[in-house]
Amino acid sequence: MPETQLETPKLETDLRELAQEIVRRAMAGGATAAECVIREGDEFSTLVRLGQVETLKESGSKSIGVRVFNGQRTASTYSSDFSREGLDRMLKSALELSRITSEDPYAGIPAADQLGSLAGDLDLYHRDVYSLPGEERINYARRAEKAALDYDPRIKNSEGGSFDAATGHKVLANSHGFVGEYRRSYCSVAAIPIAQAETGAMQRDYWFSVARSLGKLESPEQVGKIAAQRTLRRLGAKKVKTAHVPIVFDPLVATSILEHIFEGVNGDSVYRGASFLAGKLGEKIASDNVTVIDDGTMIGGFGTAPFDGEGIPTRRTMVIENGVLKSYLLNTYTAKKLGLQTTANASRGLAGTPGIGPGNYFLQPGSKTPQQIIGDVKEGLYVTEFLGHGANLVTGDYSRGASGLWISGGELTYPVEEITVAGNLKEMFRNISEIANDLEFRGSVACPTIRIDGLTVGGE
């Protein structure tokens, strides 16, 4: 893990000075502790449909938030008005509110000796995401859509091709003398084609690529081609009879299973007793092959940062090791509530108390290819899409609408739709029988192809 130091490599910004000044003024105004967060960023987004620009958005934003403590009372305010009067109003309002809110014995900022920032370049910011002229950005979206439309005559229509780019800059300062800042960038290209069968029935699917740098983005042509292939394989979908069969989850839907584990180990739901994993630390909750890691230190990761929302250096946390629940994911507040230590997963907006968010949160991949896993299934379902939300985190009951492809004799044979997948999360984690080797991050949560046994596919 990278070494830690008290400050990030200096970006020498006036926002850094401003954040420290707001903290000083809050303390001078009677606060017993304070922290200030400043965010600024630029966003660009375009959607092209059938070659024509449908939406084009470009915006810049800058905002500031302050959280002040008055003993065990706390209050926060935020503003996008950086004038002297605007900042005065924001501070005055926070200080006044902090005198009348109710006391909370667990409130406070982290201890000074916990604060710090990962040293070195984490490869989070690339200027090139904004390097293209406007017309070329639109062209990225146009090329992705065109590649999908040109791929096959059955692709008759489109919900569009898109290109997005964004940069962000965050500064955090608190009354223990911590001040840190970092920049992040990302860009993405996507296509959503619509295919039509001879019967007139239509299907849609999508594909996308996302990266911190323009140079790492898949080509728009590749994105359009994969989007077209994913859409075409859905044509002629049928219903199937209700059955208990093995289910193989495509990586894009497998991440949702992993997100349910995240919700289950989230300190907020654990201390409220609203998680089926509350009280299960040290217990076996999944099959032996399941190891889940949260790592906020990965170079270039979508969930990487030098410090979390409270100024604590990010780290690598073993959440589940060989099926055993090793750690919840916590911020300072939930850690105090549970009598544990923070895992540096504090995530925050401009105001309010920090929540809990993932670093780079993933299921450790196995050694088989997705094709080998599908090849081992005599009759089963390969899920490519879930519809709606149907997981009860208190009981673990799980039921979701789905569509995908039927597996017969180890081959993907025909598309299926209008089915449900049902089971219980407690059982599902124990019944993850295979994990593929195709782990790829398309966001801060990533999961390879997985096979789960013992589920019910509800059809006709």
Protein backbone atom coordinates (compact mmCIF):
# COMPACT_ATOMS: atom_id res chain seq x y z
CA MET A 1 0.00 0.00 0.00
CA PRO A 2 1.34 3.48 -0.81
CA GLU A 3 2.99 5.34 2.09
CA THR A 4 0.98 8.12 3.72
CA GLN A 5 1.91 11.68 4.41
CA LEU A 6 -0.07 14.55 5.90
CA GLU A 7 -0.60 16.49 2.70
CA THR A 8 -1.27 15.64 -0.93
CA PRO A 9 1.28 16.81 -3.51
CA LYS A 10 0.64 20.56 -3.54
CA LEU A 11 -1.58 21.80 -6.36
CA GLU A 12 -1.14 25.34 -4.94
CA THR A 13 -4.71 26.50 -5.41
CA ASP A 14 -6.46 29.49 -3.91
CA LEU A 15 -9.28 27.07 -3.03
CA ARG A 16 -6.91 25.36 -0.63
CA GLU A 17 -6.31 28.69 1.12
CA LEU A 18 -10.03 29.45 1.13
CA ALA A 19 -10.95 26.10 2.74
CA GLN A 20 -8.43 26.69 5.53
CA GLU A 21 -9.69 30.25 6.03
CA ILE A 22 -13.32 29.06 6.38
CA VAL A 23 -12.22 26.51 9.03
CA ARG A 24 -10.26 29.23 10.91
CA ARG A 25 -13.25 31.57 10.83
CA ALA A 26 -15.62 28.82 12.03
CA MET A 27 -13.32 28.17 15.01
CA ALA A 28 -13.06 31.91 15.72
CA GLY A 29 -16.87 32.03 15.64
CA GLY A 30 -17.11 29.54 18.51
CA ALA A 31 -17.06 26.09 16.84
CA THR A 32 -15.24 23.33 18.76
CA ALA A 33 -14.32 21.60 15.46
CA ALA A 34 -14.97 22.31 11.80
CA GLU A 35 -14.34 21.06 8.28
CA CYS A 36 -14.76 22.64 4.88
CA VAL A 37 -15.10 20.97 1.48
CA ILE A 38 -14.87 22.74 -1.88
CA ARG A 39 -15.67 21.17 -5.24
CA GLU A 40 -15.32 22.56 -8.72
CA GLY A 41 -15.71 20.81 -12.04
CA ASP A 42 -16.59 20.88 -15.72
CA GLU A 43 -18.96 18.58 -17.55
CA PHE A 44 -19.64 17.96 -21.21
CA SER A 45 -22.34 15.67 -22.57
CA THR A 46 -23.79 15.06 -26.01
CA LEU A 47 -26.37 12.63 -27.38
CA VAL A 48 -26.63 12.03 -31.12
CA ARG A 49 -29.69 10.21 -32.46
CA LEU A 50 -29.81 8.97 -36.07
CA GLY A 51 -26.86 11.20 -36.86
CA GLN A 52 -28.45 14.38 -35.50
CA VAL A 53 -27.38 16.14 -32.29
CA GLU A 54 -30.26 15.73 -29.85
CA THR A 55 -28.69 17.18 -26.69
CA LEU A 56 -25.50 19.11 -26.05
CA LYS A 57 -24.65 20.21 -22.52
CA GLU A 58 -21.59 21.94 -21.21
CA SER A 59 -21.38 23.27 -17.67
CA GLY A 60 -18.99 24.34 -14.98
CA SER A 61 -19.74 24.41 -11.28
CA LYS A 62 -18.12 25.50 -8.05
CA SER A 63 -19.53 25.01 -4.57
CA ILE A 64 -18.45 25.07 -0.94
CA GLY A 65 -19.76 23.41 2.21
CA VAL A 66 -18.92 23.75 5.88
CA ARG A 67 -19.68 21.43 8.80
CA VAL A 68 -19.27 22.83 12.30
CA PHE A 69 -19.43 21.19 15.71
CA ASN A 70 -20.53 22.78 18.94
CA GLY A 71 -19.56 20.12 21.46
CA GLN A 72 -21.72 17.17 20.39
CA ARG A 73 -24.07 19.26 18.32
CA THR A 74 -23.38 19.57 14.61
CA ALA A 75 -24.70 21.53 11.63
CA SER A 76 -23.71 22.02 8.02
CA THR A 77 -24.49 24.48 5.23
CA TYR A 78 -23.32 24.95 1.66
CA SER A 79 -23.31 27.59 -1.04
CA SER A 80 -22.32 28.23 -4.62
CA ASP A 81 -21.95 31.94 -3.88
CA PHE A 82 -18.25 32.62 -3.30
CA SER A 83 -18.68 36.37 -2.63
CA ARG A 84 -17.60 37.62 0.82
CA GLU A 85 -21.29 38.12 1.75
CA GLY A 86 -22.22 34.63 0.50
CA LEU A 87 -19.46 32.95 2.54
CA ASP A 88 -20.36 35.07 5.61
CA ARG A 89 -24.00 33.99 5.34
CA MET A 90 -23.05 30.32 4.98
CA LEU A 91 -20.79 30.39 8.06
CA LYS A 92 -23.20 32.40 10.21
CA SER A 93 -26.04 30.05 9.39
CA ALA A 94 -23.96 26.91 10.23
CA LEU A 95 -22.78 28.37 13.55
CA GLU A 96 -26.32 29.40 14.54
CA LEU A 97 -27.78 26.01 13.61
CA SER A 98 -25.08 24.18 15.59
CA ARG A 99 -26.33 25.82 18.79
CA ILE A 100 -29.85 24.43 18.45
CA THR A 101 -29.48 20.95 16.93
CA SER A 102 -29.76 17.93 19.22
CA GLU A 103 -26.66 16.39 20.74
CA ASP A 104 -25.18 13.20 19.33
CA PRO A 105 -22.46 11.49 21.43
CA TYR A 106 -20.94 9.93 18.27
CA ALA A 107 -20.58 13.18 16.31
CA GLY A 108 -17.15 14.62 15.51
CA ILE A 109 -14.30 14.69 13.03
CA PRO A 110 -11.65 11.91 13.06
CA ALA A 111 -8.77 12.09 15.53
CA ALA A 112 -5.76 14.03 14.25
CA ASP A 113 -3.52 10.95 14.19
CA GLN A 114 -5.88 9.19 11.74
CA LEU A 115 -5.69 11.92 9.11
CA GLY A 116 -3.46 11.90 6.05
CA SER A 117 -3.23 11.35 2.34
CA LEU A 118 -1.67 8.78 0.02
CA ALA A 119 1.59 10.03 -1.45
CA GLY A 120 2.48 10.00 -5.14
CA ASP A 121 0.51 10.23 -8.37
CA LEU A 122 -2.58 8.00 -8.31
CA ASP A 123 -3.19 8.63 -12.04
CA LEU A 124 -6.70 10.06 -11.53
CA TYR A 125 -6.50 13.13 -13.74
CA HIS A 126 -5.86 13.44 -17.48
CA ARG A 127 -6.23 16.75 -19.21
CA ASP A 128 -6.87 15.02 -22.56
CA VAL A 129 -10.55 14.29 -21.71
CA TYR A 130 -11.16 17.94 -22.64
CA SER A 131 -8.67 18.09 -25.50
CA LEU A 132 -11.09 17.43 -28.37
CA PRO A 133 -12.79 20.31 -30.17
CA GLY A 134 -16.61 20.30 -29.79
CA GLU A 135 -17.22 18.87 -33.25
CA GLU A 136 -14.91 15.91 -32.61
CA ARG A 137 -16.66 15.13 -29.32
CA ILE A 138 -19.98 15.04 -31.16
CA ASN A 139 -18.26 12.89 -33.78
CA TYR A 140 -17.32 10.30 -31.12
CA ALA A 141 -21.02 9.88 -30.34
CA ARG A 142 -21.92 9.84 -34.04
CA ARG A 143 -19.28 7.21 -34.87
CA ALA A 144 -20.47 4.88 -32.07
CA GLU A 145 -24.08 5.10 -33.26
CA LYS A 146 -23.14 4.71 -36.95
CA ALA A 147 -21.05 1.59 -36.23
CA ALA A 148 -24.09 0.03 -34.53
CA LEU A 149 -26.53 1.02 -37.32
CA ASP A 150 -24.17 -0.19 -40.06
CA TYR A 151 -23.48 -3.53 -38.39
CA ASP A 152 -26.62 -5.36 -39.54
CA PRO A 153 -29.73 -4.42 -41.58
CA ARG A 154 -31.95 -5.60 -38.70
CA ILE A 155 -30.72 -2.64 -36.65
CA LYS A 156 -33.42 -0.22 -37.76
CA ASN A 157 -33.35 2.48 -35.12
CA SER A 158 -31.41 3.88 -32.22
CA GLU A 159 -31.79 5.56 -28.86
CA GLY A 160 -28.54 7.29 -29.68
CA GLY A 161 -24.80 7.42 -29.33
CA SER A 162 -23.28 9.54 -26.58
CA PHE A 163 -20.00 11.06 -25.49
CA ASP A 164 -19.38 12.48 -22.02
CA ALA A 165 -16.37 14.08 -20.37
CA ALA A 166 -15.88 15.55 -16.91
CA THR A 167 -13.15 16.87 -14.64
CA GLY A 168 -13.42 17.53 -10.93
CA HIS A 169 -11.30 19.11 -8.23
CA LYS A 170 -11.93 18.54 -4.52
CA VAL A 171 -10.39 20.26 -1.50
CA LEU A 172 -10.93 19.25 2.14
CA ALA A 173 -9.66 21.07 5.24
CA ASN A 174 -10.43 20.57 8.91
CA SER A 175 -9.62 22.07 12.30
CA HIS A 176 -7.00 19.40 13.09
CA GLY A 177 -4.79 21.02 10.46
CA PHE A 178 -5.54 18.55 7.68
CA VAL A 179 -5.73 19.98 4.17
CA GLY A 180 -5.79 17.83 1.06
CA GLU A 181 -6.89 18.10 -2.54
CA TYR A 182 -7.02 16.07 -5.73
CA ARG A 183 -8.31 16.20 -9.29
CA ARG A 184 -10.13 13.49 -11.23
CA SER A 185 -11.23 13.12 -14.84
CA TYR A 186 -13.30 10.69 -16.85
CA CYS A 187 -14.81 10.27 -20.31
CA SER A 188 -17.21 7.75 -21.83
CA VAL A 189 -18.72 6.74 -25.15
CA ALA A 190 -21.89 4.64 -25.53
CA ALA A 191 -24.42 3.37 -28.08
CA ILE A 192 -28.01 2.09 -27.66
CA PRO A 193 -29.23 0.46 -30.90
CA ILE A 194 -32.73 -0.94 -31.56
CA ALA A 195 -33.15 -4.08 -33.66
CA GLN A 196 -36.32 -5.32 -35.33
CA ALA A 197 -37.22 -8.94 -36.13
CA GLU A 198 -39.24 -9.97 -39.21
CA THR A 199 -42.28 -10.28 -36.93
CA GLY A 200 -41.93 -6.57 -36.09
CA ALA A 201 -40.87 -7.25 -32.48
CA MET A 202 -38.16 -4.84 -31.32
CA GLN A 203 -35.28 -5.22 -28.87
CA ARG A 204 -32.68 -2.81 -27.53
CA ASP A 205 -29.40 -3.21 -25.70
CA TYR A 206 -26.32 -1.09 -25.19
CA TRP A 207 -22.56 -1.00 -24.72
CA PHE A 208 -20.20 1.62 -23.38
CA SER A 209 -16.58 2.35 -22.56
CA VAL A 210 -15.42 4.58 -19.74
CA ALA A 211 -11.89 5.70 -18.82
CA ARG A 212 -9.93 8.33 -16.91
CA SER A 213 -8.16 9.31 -20.15
CA LEU A 214 -9.26 9.65 -23.76
CA GLY A 215 -6.33 7.44 -24.79
CA LYS A 216 -7.75 4.49 -22.80
CA LEU A 217 -11.27 4.66 -24.24
CA GLU A 218 -12.37 1.82 -26.56
CA SER A 219 -12.89 3.14 -30.10
CA PRO A 220 -16.43 4.35 -30.87
CA GLU A 221 -16.53 1.75 -33.69
CA GLN A 222 -15.81 -1.08 -31.25
CA VAL A 223 -18.45 0.22 -28.79
CA GLY A 224 -21.06 0.43 -31.57
CA LYS A 225 -20.25 -3.05 -32.86
CA ILE A 226 -20.57 -4.69 -29.41
CA ALA A 227 -23.81 -2.77 -28.74
CA ALA A 228 -25.19 -4.12 -32.04
CA GLN A 229 -24.14 -7.71 -31.25
CA ARG A 230 -25.71 -7.53 -27.78
CA THR A 231 -28.94 -6.17 -29.28
CA LEU A 232 -29.20 -8.70 -32.11
CA ARG A 233 -28.81 -11.68 -29.81
CA ARG A 234 -32.05 -10.64 -28.07
CA LEU A 235 -34.21 -10.93 -31.20
CA GLY A 236 -36.83 -13.67 -31.13
CA ALA A 237 -36.91 -13.86 -27.32
CA LYS A 238 -39.37 -16.31 -25.78
CA LYS A 239 -40.63 -17.17 -22.33
CA VAL A 240 -39.52 -20.36 -20.61
CA LYS A 241 -41.21 -22.68 -18.14
CA THR A 242 -40.53 -22.17 -14.44
CA ALA A 243 -37.46 -24.19 -13.43
CA HIS A 244 -34.68 -24.61 -10.86
CA VAL A 245 -31.53 -24.30 -12.94
CA PRO A 246 -27.99 -22.91 -12.64
CA ILE A 247 -27.83 -19.22 -13.54
CA VAL A 248 -24.80 -17.53 -15.09
CA PHE A 249 -24.62 -13.75 -14.59
CA ASP A 250 -23.03 -11.51 -17.23
CA PRO A 251 -20.50 -9.13 -15.54
CA LEU A 252 -22.76 -6.09 -15.96
CA VAL A 253 -25.54 -7.76 -13.95
CA ALA A 254 -23.18 -9.64 -11.60
CA THR A 255 -22.12 -6.25 -10.19
CA SER A 256 -25.67 -5.83 -8.84
CA ILE A 257 -25.22 -8.99 -6.73
CA LEU A 258 -21.97 -7.52 -5.41
CA GLU A 259 -23.75 -4.24 -4.66
CA HIS A 260 -26.19 -6.15 -2.45
CA ILE A 261 -23.20 -7.41 -0.45
CA PHE A 262 -22.00 -3.78 -0.25
CA GLU A 263 -25.39 -2.67 1.08
CA GLY A 264 -25.25 -5.55 3.56
CA VAL A 265 -21.78 -4.58 4.92
CA ASN A 266 -22.49 -0.82 4.88
CA GLY A 267 -21.98 0.39 8.46
CA ASP A 268 -25.14 2.53 8.32
CA SER A 269 -27.43 -0.44 7.70
CA VAL A 270 -25.42 -2.66 10.08
CA TYR A 271 -25.72 -0.44 13.19
CA ARG A 272 -29.42 0.11 12.49
CA GLY A 273 -29.91 -3.65 12.37
CA ALA A 274 -31.33 -3.25 8.85
CA SER A 275 -28.89 -5.67 7.21
CA PHE A 276 -29.05 -9.44 6.89
CA LEU A 277 -25.27 -9.40 7.61
CA ALA A 278 -25.54 -7.52 10.96
CA GLY A 279 -23.79 -9.48 13.72
CA LYS A 280 -22.13 -11.85 11.23
CA LEU A 281 -18.46 -10.70 11.47
CA GLY A 282 -16.14 -13.70 11.47
CA GLU A 283 -18.90 -15.99 10.18
CA LYS A 284 -19.04 -17.94 6.95
CA ILE A 285 -21.54 -16.11 4.71
CA ALA A 286 -20.48 -17.21 1.21
CA SER A 287 -18.86 -20.14 -0.59
CA ASP A 288 -15.11 -20.76 -0.19
CA ASN A 289 -14.26 -19.25 -3.59
CA VAL A 290 -15.75 -15.84 -2.66
CA THR A 291 -13.24 -13.13 -1.74
CA VAL A 292 -14.47 -9.53 -1.88
CA ILE A 293 -12.04 -6.61 -1.60
CA ASP A 294 -12.52 -2.86 -1.29
CA ASP A 295 -9.39 -0.99 -2.36
CA GLY A 296 -9.33 2.81 -2.58
CA THR A 297 -5.60 2.85 -3.40
CA MET A 298 -5.54 1.24 -6.88
CA ILE A 299 -3.64 3.37 -9.38
CA GLY A 300 -6.08 4.96 -11.84
CA GLY A 301 -9.13 3.28 -10.29
CA PHE A 302 -12.63 4.74 -10.67
CA GLY A 303 -13.05 4.55 -6.89
CA THR A 304 -9.51 5.67 -6.00
CA ALA A 305 -8.75 8.80 -3.95
CA PRO A 306 -5.79 9.86 -1.79
CA PHE A 307 -8.12 10.30 1.21
CA ASP A 308 -11.75 9.62 2.01
CA GLY A 309 -14.55 12.11 2.70
CA GLU A 310 -13.17 12.78 6.19
CA GLY A 311 -9.46 13.14 5.36
CA ILE A 312 -8.38 9.59 6.29
CA PRO A 313 -5.94 7.90 3.85
CA THR A 314 -7.78 5.34 1.71
CA ARG A 315 -6.80 1.71 2.12
CA ARG A 316 -7.36 -1.86 1.00
CA THR A 317 -9.95 -3.74 3.08
CA MET A 318 -10.63 -7.47 2.92
CA VAL A 319 -14.44 -7.58 3.17
CA ILE A 320 -14.97 -11.31 2.62
CA GLU A 321 -12.08 -13.80 2.57
CA ASN A 322 -12.75 -17.34 1.32
CA GLY A 323 -16.42 -16.94 2.23
CA VAL A 324 -15.84 -15.50 5.74
CA LEU A 325 -17.09 -11.97 6.54
CA LYS A 326 -13.95 -10.13 7.69
CA SER A 327 -15.00 -6.48 7.78
CA TYR A 328 -17.86 -4.06 7.44
CA LEU A 329 -17.24 -0.84 5.47
CA LEU A 330 -17.30 2.13 7.82
CA ASN A 331 -16.77 5.84 8.27
CA THR A 332 -15.82 7.42 11.61
CA TYR A 333 -19.40 7.77 12.82
CA THR A 334 -20.57 4.21 12.08
CA ALA A 335 -17.26 2.82 13.41
CA LYS A 336 -17.88 4.57 16.76
CA LYS A 337 -21.46 3.28 16.82
CA LEU A 338 -20.23 -0.30 16.29
CA GLY A 339 -17.14 -0.02 18.50
CA LEU A 340 -14.85 -0.61 15.48
CA GLN A 341 -12.29 1.37 13.46
CA THR A 342 -13.14 3.29 10.29
CA THR A 343 -12.20 1.58 7.01
CA ALA A 344 -11.77 5.00 5.29
CA ASN A 345 -15.00 4.62 3.30
CA ALA A 346 -16.49 8.00 4.23
CA SER A 347 -18.21 9.52 1.23
CA ARG A 348 -19.70 12.97 1.30
CA GLY A 349 -21.44 15.73 -0.55
CA LEU A 350 -21.14 19.36 0.46
CA ALA A 351 -23.46 19.23 3.45
CA GLY A 352 -24.79 16.75 5.94
CA THR A 353 -22.92 13.95 7.66
CA PRO A 354 -20.67 11.71 5.54
CA GLY A 355 -22.19 8.53 4.16
CA ILE A 356 -20.35 5.37 3.11
CA GLY A 357 -19.16 4.66 -0.41
CA PRO A 358 -17.00 2.04 -2.13
CA GLY A 359 -13.36 2.47 -3.08
CA ASN A 360 -12.66 0.02 -5.91
CA TYR A 361 -14.94 -2.74 -4.73
CA PHE A 362 -14.68 -6.10 -6.48
CA LEU A 363 -15.05 -9.87 -6.39
CA GLN A 364 -11.67 -11.59 -6.80
CA PRO A 365 -11.70 -13.32 -10.22
CA GLY A 366 -11.26 -17.07 -10.71
CA SER A 367 -9.32 -18.93 -13.40
CA LYS A 368 -11.99 -20.20 -15.83
CA THR A 369 -13.15 -18.28 -18.89
CA PRO A 370 -16.85 -17.32 -19.13
CA GLN A 371 -17.11 -19.80 -22.06
CA GLN A 372 -15.84 -22.65 -19.83
CA ILE A 373 -18.40 -21.79 -17.14
CA ILE A 374 -21.26 -21.70 -19.67
CA GLY A 375 -19.91 -24.92 -21.24
CA ASP A 376 -20.40 -26.78 -17.93
CA VAL A 377 -24.14 -25.97 -17.78
CA LYS A 378 -26.48 -28.57 -19.33
CA GLU A 379 -29.66 -26.48 -18.95
CA GLY A 380 -29.65 -23.02 -17.43
CA LEU A 381 -30.01 -19.28 -17.86
CA TYR A 382 -27.44 -16.62 -18.82
CA VAL A 383 -28.77 -13.31 -17.44
CA THR A 384 -27.88 -10.14 -19.37
CA GLU A 385 -30.36 -7.68 -17.85
CA PHE A 386 -32.31 -7.12 -14.66
CA LEU A 387 -35.43 -4.98 -14.46
CA GLY A 388 -36.58 -3.16 -11.34
CA HIS A 389 -35.38 -3.62 -7.78
CA GLY A 390 -36.38 -6.64 -5.80
CA ALA A 391 -33.96 -7.27 -2.92
CA ASN A 392 -35.00 -6.98 0.73
CA LEU A 393 -31.81 -6.26 2.68
CA VAL A 394 -33.36 -7.05 6.05
CA THR A 395 -34.54 -10.57 5.17
CA GLY A 396 -32.35 -11.21 2.11
CA ASP A 397 -35.40 -12.12 -0.04
CA TYR A 398 -34.59 -11.61 -3.71
CA SER A 399 -36.82 -11.48 -6.80
CA ARG A 400 -36.13 -9.52 -9.98
CA GLY A 401 -37.44 -9.39 -13.51
CA ALA A 402 -34.80 -10.53 -15.99
CA SER A 403 -33.95 -11.31 -19.58
CA GLY A 404 -31.06 -13.16 -21.16
CA LEU A 405 -30.18 -16.29 -23.11
CA TRP A 406 -31.07 -19.92 -22.48
CA ILE A 407 -28.14 -22.29 -22.05
CA SER A 408 -28.60 -25.79 -23.42
CA GLY A 409 -25.83 -28.40 -23.74
CA GLY A 410 -23.22 -25.82 -22.70
CA GLU A 411 -24.19 -23.39 -25.49
CA LEU A 412 -26.11 -20.10 -25.55
CA THR A 413 -29.12 -21.19 -27.64
CA TYR A 414 -32.00 -18.67 -27.76
CA PRO A 415 -32.99 -15.40 -26.08
CA VAL A 416 -35.51 -15.37 -23.20
CA GLU A 417 -37.51 -12.53 -21.66
CA GLU A 418 -40.34 -11.80 -19.21
CA ILE A 419 -38.93 -14.08 -16.52
CA THR A 420 -38.09 -13.59 -12.85
CA VAL A 421 -35.07 -14.78 -10.92
CA ALA A 422 -35.87 -15.54 -7.27
CA GLY A 423 -34.01 -16.74 -4.20
CA ASN A 424 -32.53 -15.43 -0.95
CA LEU A 425 -29.29 -13.44 -0.81
CA LYS A 426 -28.02 -15.48 2.16
CA GLU A 427 -28.30 -18.64 0.05
CA MET A 428 -27.14 -16.97 -3.18
CA PHE A 429 -23.74 -15.99 -1.76
CA ARG A 430 -23.25 -19.54 -0.48
CA ASN A 431 -24.23 -20.94 -3.87
CA ILE A 432 -21.76 -18.99 -6.03
CA SER A 433 -20.25 -22.11 -7.59
CA GLU A 434 -18.05 -20.58 -10.31
CA ILE A 435 -16.25 -17.25 -10.79
CA ALA A 436 -14.72 -16.38 -14.16
CA ASN A 437 -11.45 -14.61 -14.99
CA ASP A 438 -13.04 -11.61 -16.80
CA LEU A 439 -12.89 -8.93 -14.09
CA GLU A 440 -13.02 -5.49 -15.70
CA PHE A 441 -13.72 -2.16 -14.01
CA ARG A 442 -16.35 0.02 -15.70
CA GLY A 443 -16.97 1.96 -12.51
CA SER A 444 -15.98 1.67 -8.85
CA VAL A 445 -17.78 -1.70 -8.46
CA ALA A 446 -16.72 -4.65 -10.63
CA CYS A 447 -17.53 -8.33 -10.80
CA PRO A 448 -16.53 -11.12 -13.20
CA THR A 449 -19.02 -13.58 -14.76
CA ILE A 450 -20.43 -15.77 -11.96
CA ARG A 451 -22.55 -18.91 -11.73
CA ILE A 452 -25.09 -19.30 -8.92
CA ASP A 453 -26.98 -22.54 -8.26
CA GLY A 454 -30.26 -23.12 -6.46
CA LEU A 455 -32.23 -20.18 -7.85
CA THR A 456 -35.72 -20.32 -9.36
CA VAL A 457 -36.33 -19.01 -12.86
CA GLY A 458 -39.99 -18.03 -12.91
CA GLY A 459 -41.61 -18.21 -16.33
CA GLU A 460 -44.84 -19.65 -17.70
